[in-house]
Amino acid sequence: MFLTANTKSVSIKIKRIMAKFNLDPEEKELHNQTLFYEPSKGGKYNGKLIITDKRLLFDVKINMSAKGMLEEVFFIKSGSEGFIEIPKNRISNVEVQKGTFAKKVILTTDDGNKHTFNSGMSNIDKAADAIKAK
């Protein structure tokens, strides 16, 4: 089952799958990091960002929003909640913001949506460099 993050954008999806993703044969992983994903329409998701030379994949582990945390209290969950996939050719801008308690990479896609990856107090530079790399 696929849930689109934006009805106008067919390639940015949350894929509801239980298995790990597979890289394409010609695809190369550049970087991976555990951090938070904050979509433009709200919410906060903890998981692992995998950056390849072709796309960004975010393996959603925990919904950190108030609603998601409430659901966690009532249901036992394990493993992946799904994947978010953003093809690099859809990224129109990459912005890095660094504060004391939040280091962020903010992506703007060609449909105008913003996608924020927040590493908290950890370094975000390697992730930003890998996203910018073609």
N, C-alpha and C. Protein backbone atom coordinates (compact mmCIF):
# COMPACT_ATOMS: atom_id res chain seq x y z
N MET A 1 0.84 -1.17 0.00
CA MET A 1 0.00 0.00 0.00
C MET A 1 0.89 1.24 0.00
N PHE A 2 0.55 2.25 -0.76
CA PHE A 2 1.30 3.49 -0.82
C PHE A 2 0.44 4.62 -0.28
N LEU A 3 1.03 5.48 0.53
CA LEU A 3 0.36 6.68 0.99
C LEU A 3 1.15 7.86 0.45
N THR A 4 0.56 8.70 -0.35
CA THR A 4 1.31 9.82 -0.91
C THR A 4 1.42 10.94 0.11
N ALA A 5 2.58 11.59 0.14
CA ALA A 5 2.80 12.71 1.04
C ALA A 5 2.12 13.96 0.50
N ASN A 6 1.85 13.99 -0.79
CA ASN A 6 1.18 15.13 -1.43
C ASN A 6 0.52 14.58 -2.68
N THR A 7 -0.75 14.86 -2.87
CA THR A 7 -1.47 14.27 -4.00
C THR A 7 -0.92 14.72 -5.34
N LYS A 8 -0.27 15.88 -5.43
CA LYS A 8 0.32 16.34 -6.68
C LYS A 8 1.66 15.67 -6.96
N SER A 9 2.25 15.08 -5.96
CA SER A 9 3.57 14.48 -6.10
C SER A 9 3.46 12.97 -6.02
N VAL A 10 3.65 12.30 -7.12
CA VAL A 10 3.48 10.85 -7.13
C VAL A 10 4.74 10.10 -6.73
N SER A 11 5.89 10.78 -6.74
CA SER A 11 7.12 10.06 -6.46
C SER A 11 7.60 10.19 -5.02
N ILE A 12 6.99 11.06 -4.24
CA ILE A 12 7.35 11.17 -2.84
C ILE A 12 6.27 10.44 -2.05
N LYS A 13 6.62 9.27 -1.56
CA LYS A 13 5.61 8.39 -0.97
C LYS A 13 6.08 7.81 0.35
N ILE A 14 5.13 7.44 1.15
CA ILE A 14 5.41 6.60 2.31
C ILE A 14 5.01 5.20 1.88
N LYS A 15 5.96 4.34 1.78
CA LYS A 15 5.68 2.98 1.35
C LYS A 15 5.45 2.11 2.58
N ARG A 16 4.29 1.56 2.69
CA ARG A 16 3.96 0.69 3.81
C ARG A 16 4.42 -0.72 3.48
N ILE A 17 5.65 -1.01 3.83
CA ILE A 17 6.20 -2.33 3.57
C ILE A 17 6.97 -2.79 4.81
N MET A 18 7.07 -4.05 4.97
CA MET A 18 7.77 -4.60 6.13
C MET A 18 9.22 -4.97 5.80
N ALA A 19 9.52 -5.26 4.55
CA ALA A 19 10.86 -5.68 4.18
C ALA A 19 11.77 -4.48 4.02
N LYS A 20 13.05 -4.71 4.12
CA LYS A 20 14.02 -3.66 3.88
C LYS A 20 14.04 -3.31 2.41
N PHE A 21 14.39 -2.08 2.10
CA PHE A 21 14.47 -1.65 0.71
C PHE A 21 15.72 -2.24 0.08
N ASN A 22 15.71 -2.30 -1.23
CA ASN A 22 16.87 -2.76 -1.98
C ASN A 22 17.35 -1.63 -2.88
N LEU A 23 18.66 -1.46 -2.93
CA LEU A 23 19.23 -0.49 -3.86
C LEU A 23 19.17 -1.05 -5.26
N ASP A 24 19.02 -0.16 -6.24
CA ASP A 24 19.11 -0.57 -7.63
C ASP A 24 20.54 -1.03 -7.89
N PRO A 25 20.76 -1.90 -8.88
CA PRO A 25 22.11 -2.42 -9.14
C PRO A 25 23.16 -1.33 -9.38
N GLU A 26 22.78 -0.24 -10.04
CA GLU A 26 23.74 0.83 -10.33
C GLU A 26 23.73 1.94 -9.28
N GLU A 27 22.97 1.76 -8.20
CA GLU A 27 22.83 2.79 -7.15
C GLU A 27 23.88 2.58 -6.06
N LYS A 28 24.42 3.69 -5.54
CA LYS A 28 25.47 3.64 -4.52
C LYS A 28 25.05 4.41 -3.27
N GLU A 29 25.16 3.78 -2.11
CA GLU A 29 24.86 4.48 -0.85
C GLU A 29 26.00 5.43 -0.52
N LEU A 30 25.66 6.69 -0.22
CA LEU A 30 26.65 7.70 0.10
C LEU A 30 26.76 7.97 1.60
N HIS A 31 25.63 7.86 2.30
CA HIS A 31 25.61 8.20 3.73
C HIS A 31 24.34 7.65 4.35
N ASN A 32 24.39 7.37 5.66
CA ASN A 32 23.16 7.06 6.41
C ASN A 32 23.30 7.63 7.80
N GLN A 33 22.17 8.00 8.38
CA GLN A 33 22.18 8.65 9.69
C GLN A 33 20.81 8.52 10.33
N THR A 34 20.79 8.30 11.63
CA THR A 34 19.54 8.27 12.39
C THR A 34 19.19 9.70 12.78
N LEU A 35 17.96 10.12 12.47
CA LEU A 35 17.51 11.48 12.77
C LEU A 35 16.00 11.57 12.70
N PHE A 36 15.47 12.78 12.75
CA PHE A 36 14.03 13.02 12.67
C PHE A 36 13.66 13.58 11.30
N TYR A 37 12.51 13.15 10.80
CA TYR A 37 11.93 13.72 9.58
C TYR A 37 10.71 14.53 9.99
N GLU A 38 10.65 15.78 9.52
CA GLU A 38 9.54 16.67 9.84
C GLU A 38 8.92 17.14 8.52
N PRO A 39 7.80 16.51 8.10
CA PRO A 39 7.16 16.93 6.84
C PRO A 39 6.57 18.32 6.95
N SER A 40 6.36 18.97 5.80
CA SER A 40 5.87 20.35 5.79
C SER A 40 4.47 20.47 6.37
N LYS A 41 3.68 19.43 6.33
CA LYS A 41 2.31 19.50 6.85
C LYS A 41 2.22 19.10 8.32
N GLY A 42 3.36 18.94 8.99
CA GLY A 42 3.38 18.62 10.41
C GLY A 42 3.73 17.19 10.71
N GLY A 43 4.05 16.93 11.94
CA GLY A 43 4.45 15.60 12.38
C GLY A 43 5.94 15.54 12.63
N LYS A 44 6.35 14.46 13.26
CA LYS A 44 7.77 14.24 13.55
C LYS A 44 7.99 12.74 13.63
N TYR A 45 8.94 12.26 12.83
CA TYR A 45 9.18 10.83 12.73
C TYR A 45 10.64 10.52 12.97
N ASN A 46 10.91 9.57 13.84
CA ASN A 46 12.27 9.12 14.11
C ASN A 46 12.57 7.95 13.18
N GLY A 47 13.79 7.91 12.66
CA GLY A 47 14.16 6.81 11.79
C GLY A 47 15.55 7.00 11.21
N LYS A 48 15.82 6.24 10.17
CA LYS A 48 17.15 6.26 9.55
C LYS A 48 17.06 6.79 8.12
N LEU A 49 17.86 7.81 7.84
CA LEU A 49 17.94 8.39 6.50
C LEU A 49 19.07 7.71 5.75
N ILE A 50 18.77 7.16 4.59
CA ILE A 50 19.76 6.55 3.72
C ILE A 50 19.83 7.43 2.47
N ILE A 51 21.02 7.93 2.17
CA ILE A 51 21.21 8.80 1.02
C ILE A 51 22.05 8.06 -0.01
N THR A 52 21.51 7.96 -1.22
CA THR A 52 22.24 7.33 -2.30
C THR A 52 22.55 8.39 -3.36
N ASP A 53 23.20 7.97 -4.43
CA ASP A 53 23.48 8.90 -5.51
C ASP A 53 22.23 9.23 -6.33
N LYS A 54 21.11 8.52 -6.10
CA LYS A 54 19.89 8.72 -6.87
C LYS A 54 18.69 9.21 -6.06
N ARG A 55 18.66 8.90 -4.74
CA ARG A 55 17.47 9.21 -3.95
C ARG A 55 17.77 9.24 -2.46
N LEU A 56 16.79 9.72 -1.72
CA LEU A 56 16.82 9.69 -0.26
C LEU A 56 15.74 8.72 0.18
N LEU A 57 16.08 7.85 1.11
CA LEU A 57 15.13 6.90 1.68
C LEU A 57 15.13 7.11 3.18
N PHE A 58 13.95 7.28 3.75
CA PHE A 58 13.86 7.44 5.20
C PHE A 58 13.03 6.29 5.74
N ASP A 59 13.65 5.46 6.55
CA ASP A 59 13.01 4.31 7.17
C ASP A 59 12.37 4.79 8.47
N VAL A 60 11.05 4.97 8.43
CA VAL A 60 10.31 5.48 9.59
C VAL A 60 10.23 4.38 10.66
N LYS A 61 10.76 4.68 11.85
CA LYS A 61 10.71 3.73 12.96
C LYS A 61 9.61 4.08 13.96
N ILE A 62 9.54 5.36 14.34
CA ILE A 62 8.57 5.78 15.36
C ILE A 62 7.95 7.12 14.98
N ASN A 63 6.62 7.20 15.07
CA ASN A 63 5.91 8.45 14.90
C ASN A 63 6.03 9.20 16.23
N MET A 64 6.78 10.30 16.23
CA MET A 64 7.05 11.04 17.46
C MET A 64 6.02 12.13 17.74
N SER A 65 5.01 12.28 16.88
CA SER A 65 3.97 13.28 17.13
C SER A 65 3.14 12.83 18.33
N ALA A 66 2.37 13.74 18.90
CA ALA A 66 1.54 13.39 20.06
C ALA A 66 0.59 12.25 19.73
N LYS A 67 -0.05 12.30 18.56
CA LYS A 67 -0.96 11.24 18.16
C LYS A 67 -0.23 9.91 18.00
N GLY A 68 0.94 9.97 17.38
CA GLY A 68 1.72 8.75 17.17
C GLY A 68 2.19 8.14 18.48
N MET A 69 2.60 8.98 19.44
CA MET A 69 3.05 8.48 20.73
C MET A 69 1.88 7.87 21.50
N LEU A 70 0.69 8.45 21.38
CA LEU A 70 -0.49 7.90 22.03
C LEU A 70 -0.82 6.52 21.48
N GLU A 71 -0.71 6.36 20.16
CA GLU A 71 -0.94 5.06 19.54
C GLU A 71 0.07 4.03 20.03
N GLU A 72 1.31 4.45 20.26
CA GLU A 72 2.35 3.54 20.73
C GLU A 72 2.01 2.98 22.11
N VAL A 73 1.31 3.77 22.93
CA VAL A 73 0.93 3.32 24.26
C VAL A 73 -0.04 2.15 24.18
N PHE A 74 -0.93 2.16 23.19
CA PHE A 74 -1.99 1.17 23.09
C PHE A 74 -1.66 -0.03 22.21
N PHE A 75 -0.65 0.08 21.37
CA PHE A 75 -0.30 -1.01 20.46
C PHE A 75 1.19 -1.32 20.54
N ILE A 76 1.51 -2.59 20.52
CA ILE A 76 2.90 -2.99 20.49
C ILE A 76 3.33 -3.02 19.02
N LYS A 77 4.36 -2.27 18.70
CA LYS A 77 4.85 -2.21 17.33
C LYS A 77 6.33 -2.54 17.31
N SER A 78 6.76 -3.16 16.24
CA SER A 78 8.19 -3.42 16.09
C SER A 78 8.55 -3.28 14.62
N GLY A 79 9.80 -2.97 14.37
CA GLY A 79 10.26 -2.86 12.99
C GLY A 79 9.89 -1.54 12.36
N SER A 80 9.83 -1.54 11.06
CA SER A 80 9.62 -0.33 10.28
C SER A 80 8.14 0.04 10.20
N GLU A 81 7.87 1.34 10.23
CA GLU A 81 6.52 1.87 10.03
C GLU A 81 6.29 2.16 8.56
N GLY A 82 7.37 2.19 7.76
CA GLY A 82 7.27 2.48 6.33
C GLY A 82 8.49 3.24 5.85
N PHE A 83 8.49 3.58 4.58
CA PHE A 83 9.60 4.31 3.99
C PHE A 83 9.10 5.57 3.30
N ILE A 84 9.92 6.59 3.35
CA ILE A 84 9.68 7.81 2.59
C ILE A 84 10.79 7.85 1.54
N GLU A 85 10.43 8.07 0.29
CA GLU A 85 11.39 8.10 -0.80
C GLU A 85 11.31 9.44 -1.51
N ILE A 86 12.47 10.10 -1.66
CA ILE A 86 12.54 11.36 -2.39
C ILE A 86 13.64 11.22 -3.44
N PRO A 87 13.27 11.17 -4.72
CA PRO A 87 14.30 11.11 -5.77
C PRO A 87 15.12 12.41 -5.80
N LYS A 88 16.43 12.29 -5.97
CA LYS A 88 17.29 13.48 -5.97
C LYS A 88 16.95 14.44 -7.11
N ASN A 89 16.48 13.92 -8.22
CA ASN A 89 16.17 14.80 -9.35
C ASN A 89 14.92 15.65 -9.09
N ARG A 90 14.21 15.40 -7.99
CA ARG A 90 13.05 16.21 -7.61
C ARG A 90 13.42 17.31 -6.61
N ILE A 91 14.66 17.31 -6.11
CA ILE A 91 15.10 18.29 -5.12
C ILE A 91 15.55 19.56 -5.84
N SER A 92 14.89 20.68 -5.52
CA SER A 92 15.23 21.95 -6.17
C SER A 92 16.11 22.84 -5.29
N ASN A 93 16.12 22.61 -3.97
CA ASN A 93 16.94 23.43 -3.08
C ASN A 93 17.30 22.64 -1.83
N VAL A 94 18.51 22.86 -1.34
CA VAL A 94 18.99 22.25 -0.09
C VAL A 94 19.50 23.37 0.80
N GLU A 95 18.92 23.48 1.99
CA GLU A 95 19.29 24.53 2.94
C GLU A 95 19.73 23.86 4.24
N VAL A 96 20.82 24.36 4.83
CA VAL A 96 21.29 23.84 6.11
C VAL A 96 21.08 24.92 7.17
N GLN A 97 20.46 24.52 8.30
CA GLN A 97 20.28 25.42 9.43
C GLN A 97 20.94 24.78 10.64
N LYS A 98 21.74 25.58 11.34
CA LYS A 98 22.43 25.06 12.53
C LYS A 98 22.14 25.94 13.73
N GLY A 99 21.57 25.32 14.74
CA GLY A 99 21.34 25.98 16.01
C GLY A 99 22.02 25.16 17.10
N THR A 100 21.91 25.62 18.31
CA THR A 100 22.55 24.91 19.42
C THR A 100 21.96 23.52 19.62
N PHE A 101 20.64 23.41 19.55
CA PHE A 101 19.98 22.13 19.82
C PHE A 101 19.38 21.47 18.60
N ALA A 102 19.52 22.08 17.43
CA ALA A 102 18.93 21.49 16.22
C ALA A 102 19.80 21.82 15.01
N LYS A 103 20.26 20.78 14.35
CA LYS A 103 20.98 20.90 13.09
C LYS A 103 20.06 20.29 12.03
N LYS A 104 19.71 21.07 11.01
CA LYS A 104 18.70 20.63 10.05
C LYS A 104 19.17 20.78 8.61
N VAL A 105 18.67 19.86 7.77
CA VAL A 105 18.74 20.00 6.32
C VAL A 105 17.30 20.14 5.87
N ILE A 106 17.00 21.22 5.16
CA ILE A 106 15.65 21.46 4.66
C ILE A 106 15.68 21.37 3.14
N LEU A 107 14.96 20.40 2.62
CA LEU A 107 14.88 20.18 1.18
C LEU A 107 13.61 20.81 0.64
N THR A 108 13.71 21.43 -0.50
CA THR A 108 12.52 21.88 -1.22
C THR A 108 12.47 21.05 -2.49
N THR A 109 11.31 20.43 -2.74
CA THR A 109 11.15 19.62 -3.94
C THR A 109 10.50 20.47 -5.03
N ASP A 110 10.53 19.96 -6.25
CA ASP A 110 10.04 20.73 -7.39
C ASP A 110 8.54 21.02 -7.34
N ASP A 111 7.81 20.40 -6.41
CA ASP A 111 6.40 20.72 -6.23
C ASP A 111 6.18 21.76 -5.13
N GLY A 112 7.30 22.31 -4.57
CA GLY A 112 7.22 23.36 -3.56
C GLY A 112 7.17 22.87 -2.13
N ASN A 113 7.08 21.57 -1.90
CA ASN A 113 7.03 21.05 -0.54
C ASN A 113 8.40 21.11 0.11
N LYS A 114 8.39 21.34 1.42
CA LYS A 114 9.63 21.34 2.20
C LYS A 114 9.66 20.09 3.07
N HIS A 115 10.84 19.47 3.13
CA HIS A 115 11.06 18.27 3.92
C HIS A 115 12.27 18.52 4.81
N THR A 116 12.07 18.45 6.12
CA THR A 116 13.14 18.77 7.07
C THR A 116 13.66 17.50 7.72
N PHE A 117 14.98 17.36 7.70
CA PHE A 117 15.66 16.27 8.40
C PHE A 117 16.47 16.92 9.52
N ASN A 118 16.14 16.56 10.77
CA ASN A 118 16.68 17.20 11.96
C ASN A 118 17.53 16.19 12.72
N SER A 119 18.81 16.50 12.89
CA SER A 119 19.71 15.58 13.59
C SER A 119 19.88 15.95 15.07
N GLY A 120 19.08 16.89 15.54
CA GLY A 120 19.21 17.31 16.94
C GLY A 120 20.55 18.01 17.13
N MET A 121 21.31 17.60 18.12
CA MET A 121 22.60 18.21 18.39
C MET A 121 23.73 17.58 17.59
N SER A 122 23.46 16.50 16.87
CA SER A 122 24.49 15.81 16.09
C SER A 122 24.80 16.57 14.80
N ASN A 123 25.96 16.29 14.25
CA ASN A 123 26.40 16.95 13.01
C ASN A 123 25.50 16.56 11.84
N ILE A 124 25.18 17.51 10.99
CA ILE A 124 24.33 17.28 9.82
C ILE A 124 25.11 17.47 8.52
N ASP A 125 26.38 17.90 8.60
CA ASP A 125 27.15 18.25 7.41
C ASP A 125 27.33 17.10 6.42
N LYS A 126 27.62 15.91 6.90
CA LYS A 126 27.82 14.77 5.99
C LYS A 126 26.53 14.44 5.24
N ALA A 127 25.41 14.52 5.93
CA ALA A 127 24.12 14.27 5.27
C ALA A 127 23.87 15.33 4.21
N ALA A 128 24.12 16.59 4.54
CA ALA A 128 23.89 17.68 3.58
C ALA A 128 24.78 17.51 2.36
N ASP A 129 26.05 17.17 2.57
CA ASP A 129 26.98 16.98 1.45
C ASP A 129 26.54 15.81 0.57
N ALA A 130 26.08 14.72 1.19
CA ALA A 130 25.62 13.55 0.41
C ALA A 130 24.36 13.88 -0.38
N ILE A 131 23.48 14.69 0.18
CA ILE A 131 22.25 15.07 -0.53
C ILE A 131 22.61 15.93 -1.74
N LYS A 132 23.57 16.82 -1.59
CA LYS A 132 23.98 17.72 -2.68
C LYS A 132 24.77 16.97 -3.76
N ALA A 133 25.42 15.86 -3.41
CA ALA A 133 26.22 15.10 -4.37
C ALA A 133 25.33 14.43 -5.41
N LYS A 134 25.78 14.42 -6.63
CA LYS A 134 25.00 13.79 -7.71
C LYS A 134 25.54 12.42 -8.02
